[in-house]
Every structure is written in C-alpha cells, then in structure tokens.
C-alpha cells in the first residue's frame, strides 16, 4: 500500500511543479509583452528552476509507478 501512496504523492507533486513552471512562463510572457525585461528575466529564471524540479519529480513518480 505504501508504494501506491508514494506514487500518488509523487505524481501530485510533479503536477504542482509543472503548474508552477507554467505560471512563471506566463508571467515571463506577460512581462515581455509589457517590455518589462528585468521582470521577464526573473520570471524566466524561476520557470527554469521549476521545470528542473518538475522534471526530477516526474522521473521519480514514473519510476515509482513502473515498479
């Protein structure tokens, strides 16, 4: 039962991480549209960090499901 709970939690966390990345990407796009380049750069950096975390958590979740 623990394996199922772990997989569930890992997939939920990966989804949350991907959602956070998407929000930062949207903010970066909005900042570019408003010519707020410093803010766009900061949002893009946060998006990249969220994407990297999401990728790691996605891999862990999929590995757990594959077992």
C-alpha atoms as a PDB file:
ATOM      1  CA  UNK A   1       0.000   0.000   0.000  1.00  0.00           C
ATOM      2  CA  UNK A   2       2.888   2.391   0.719  1.00  0.00           C
ATOM      3  CA  UNK A   3       4.119   2.135  -2.885  1.00  0.00           C
ATOM      4  CA  UNK A   4       0.716   3.285  -4.186  1.00  0.00           C
ATOM      5  CA  UNK A   5       0.658   6.178  -1.705  1.00  0.00           C
ATOM      6  CA  UNK A   6       4.214   7.179  -2.666  1.00  0.00           C
ATOM      7  CA  UNK A   7       3.386   7.108  -6.390  1.00  0.00           C
ATOM      8  CA  UNK A   8       0.252   9.156  -5.789  1.00  0.00           C
ATOM      9  CA  UNK A   9       2.128  11.789  -3.780  1.00  0.00           C
ATOM     10  CA  UNK A  10       4.978  11.932  -6.286  1.00  0.00           C
ATOM     11  CA  UNK A  11       2.640  12.430  -9.249  1.00  0.00           C
ATOM     12  CA  UNK A  12       0.726  15.140  -7.385  1.00  0.00           C
ATOM     13  CA  UNK A  13       3.974  16.928  -6.540  1.00  0.00           C
ATOM     14  CA  UNK A  14       5.190  16.703 -10.146  1.00  0.00           C
ATOM     15  CA  UNK A  15       1.892  18.159 -11.364  1.00  0.00           C
ATOM     16  CA  UNK A  16       2.148  21.034  -8.889  1.00  0.00           C
ATOM     17  CA  UNK A  17       5.710  21.719 -10.008  1.00  0.00           C
ATOM     18  CA  UNK A  18       4.676  21.760 -13.668  1.00  0.00           C
ATOM     19  CA  UNK A  19       1.813  24.128 -12.825  1.00  0.00           C
ATOM     20  CA  UNK A  20       4.210  26.482 -11.035  1.00  0.00           C
ATOM     21  CA  UNK A  21       6.526  26.429 -14.055  1.00  0.00           C
ATOM     22  CA  UNK A  22       3.614  27.240 -16.364  1.00  0.00           C
ATOM     23  CA  UNK A  23       2.626  30.193 -14.186  1.00  0.00           C
ATOM     24  CA  UNK A  24       6.168  31.564 -14.300  1.00  0.00           C
ATOM     25  CA  UNK A  25       6.294  31.092 -18.087  1.00  0.00           C
ATOM     26  CA  UNK A  26       3.020  33.011 -18.427  1.00  0.00           C
ATOM     27  CA  UNK A  27       4.338  35.781 -16.192  1.00  0.00           C
ATOM     28  CA  UNK A  28       7.532  35.993 -18.274  1.00  0.00           C
ATOM     29  CA  UNK A  29       5.466  36.237 -21.463  1.00  0.00           C
ATOM     30  CA  UNK A  30       3.311  38.964 -19.936  1.00  0.00           C
ATOM     31  CA  UNK A  31       6.397  40.897 -18.860  1.00  0.00           C
ATOM     32  CA  UNK A  32       7.865  40.625 -22.361  1.00  0.00           C
ATOM     33  CA  UNK A  33       4.594  41.929 -23.814  1.00  0.00           C
ATOM     34  CA  UNK A  34       4.793  44.902 -21.437  1.00  0.00           C
ATOM     35  CA  UNK A  35       8.517  45.402 -22.197  1.00  0.00           C
ATOM     36  CA  UNK A  36       9.452  44.694 -18.565  1.00  0.00           C
ATOM     37  CA  UNK A  37      12.619  42.858 -19.446  1.00  0.00           C
ATOM     38  CA  UNK A  38      14.115  42.662 -15.946  1.00  0.00           C
ATOM     39  CA  UNK A  39      10.904  41.122 -14.623  1.00  0.00           C
ATOM     40  CA  UNK A  40      10.698  38.805 -17.632  1.00  0.00           C
ATOM     41  CA  UNK A  41      14.232  37.587 -16.970  1.00  0.00           C
ATOM     42  CA  UNK A  42      13.431  36.910 -13.308  1.00  0.00           C
ATOM     43  CA  UNK A  43      10.244  35.037 -14.202  1.00  0.00           C
ATOM     44  CA  UNK A  44      12.072  33.028 -16.847  1.00  0.00           C
ATOM     45  CA  UNK A  45      14.708  32.046 -14.286  1.00  0.00           C
ATOM     46  CA  UNK A  46      12.011  30.900 -11.863  1.00  0.00           C
ATOM     47  CA  UNK A  47      10.304  28.979 -14.669  1.00  0.00           C
ATOM     48  CA  UNK A  48      13.545  27.151 -15.438  1.00  0.00           C
ATOM     49  CA  UNK A  49      14.064  26.272 -11.775  1.00  0.00           C
ATOM     50  CA  UNK A  50      10.501  24.963 -11.517  1.00  0.00           C
ATOM     51  CA  UNK A  51      10.934  22.991 -14.749  1.00  0.00           C
ATOM     52  CA  UNK A  52      14.092  21.359 -13.436  1.00  0.00           C
ATOM     53  CA  UNK A  53      12.383  20.415 -10.169  1.00  0.00           C
ATOM     54  CA  UNK A  54       9.325  19.182 -12.062  1.00  0.00           C
ATOM     55  CA  UNK A  55      11.494  17.003 -14.302  1.00  0.00           C
ATOM     56  CA  UNK A  56      13.183  15.374 -11.296  1.00  0.00           C
ATOM     57  CA  UNK A  57       9.852  14.763  -9.576  1.00  0.00           C
ATOM     58  CA  UNK A  58       8.308  13.454 -12.794  1.00  0.00           C
ATOM     59  CA  UNK A  59      11.132  10.965 -13.167  1.00  0.00           C
ATOM     60  CA  UNK A  60      10.746   9.837  -9.549  1.00  0.00           C
ATOM     61  CA  UNK A  61       6.977   9.495  -9.935  1.00  0.00           C
ATOM     62  CA  UNK A  62       7.226   7.496 -13.150  1.00  0.00           C
ATOM     63  CA  UNK A  63       9.967   5.294 -11.725  1.00  0.00           C
ATOM     64  CA  UNK A  64       7.792   4.595  -8.684  1.00  0.00           C
ATOM     65  CA  UNK A  65       4.811   3.723 -10.888  1.00  0.00           C
ATOM     66  CA  UNK A  66       6.932   1.391 -13.005  1.00  0.00           C
ATOM     67  CA  UNK A  67       7.916  -0.752 -10.023  1.00  0.00           C
END
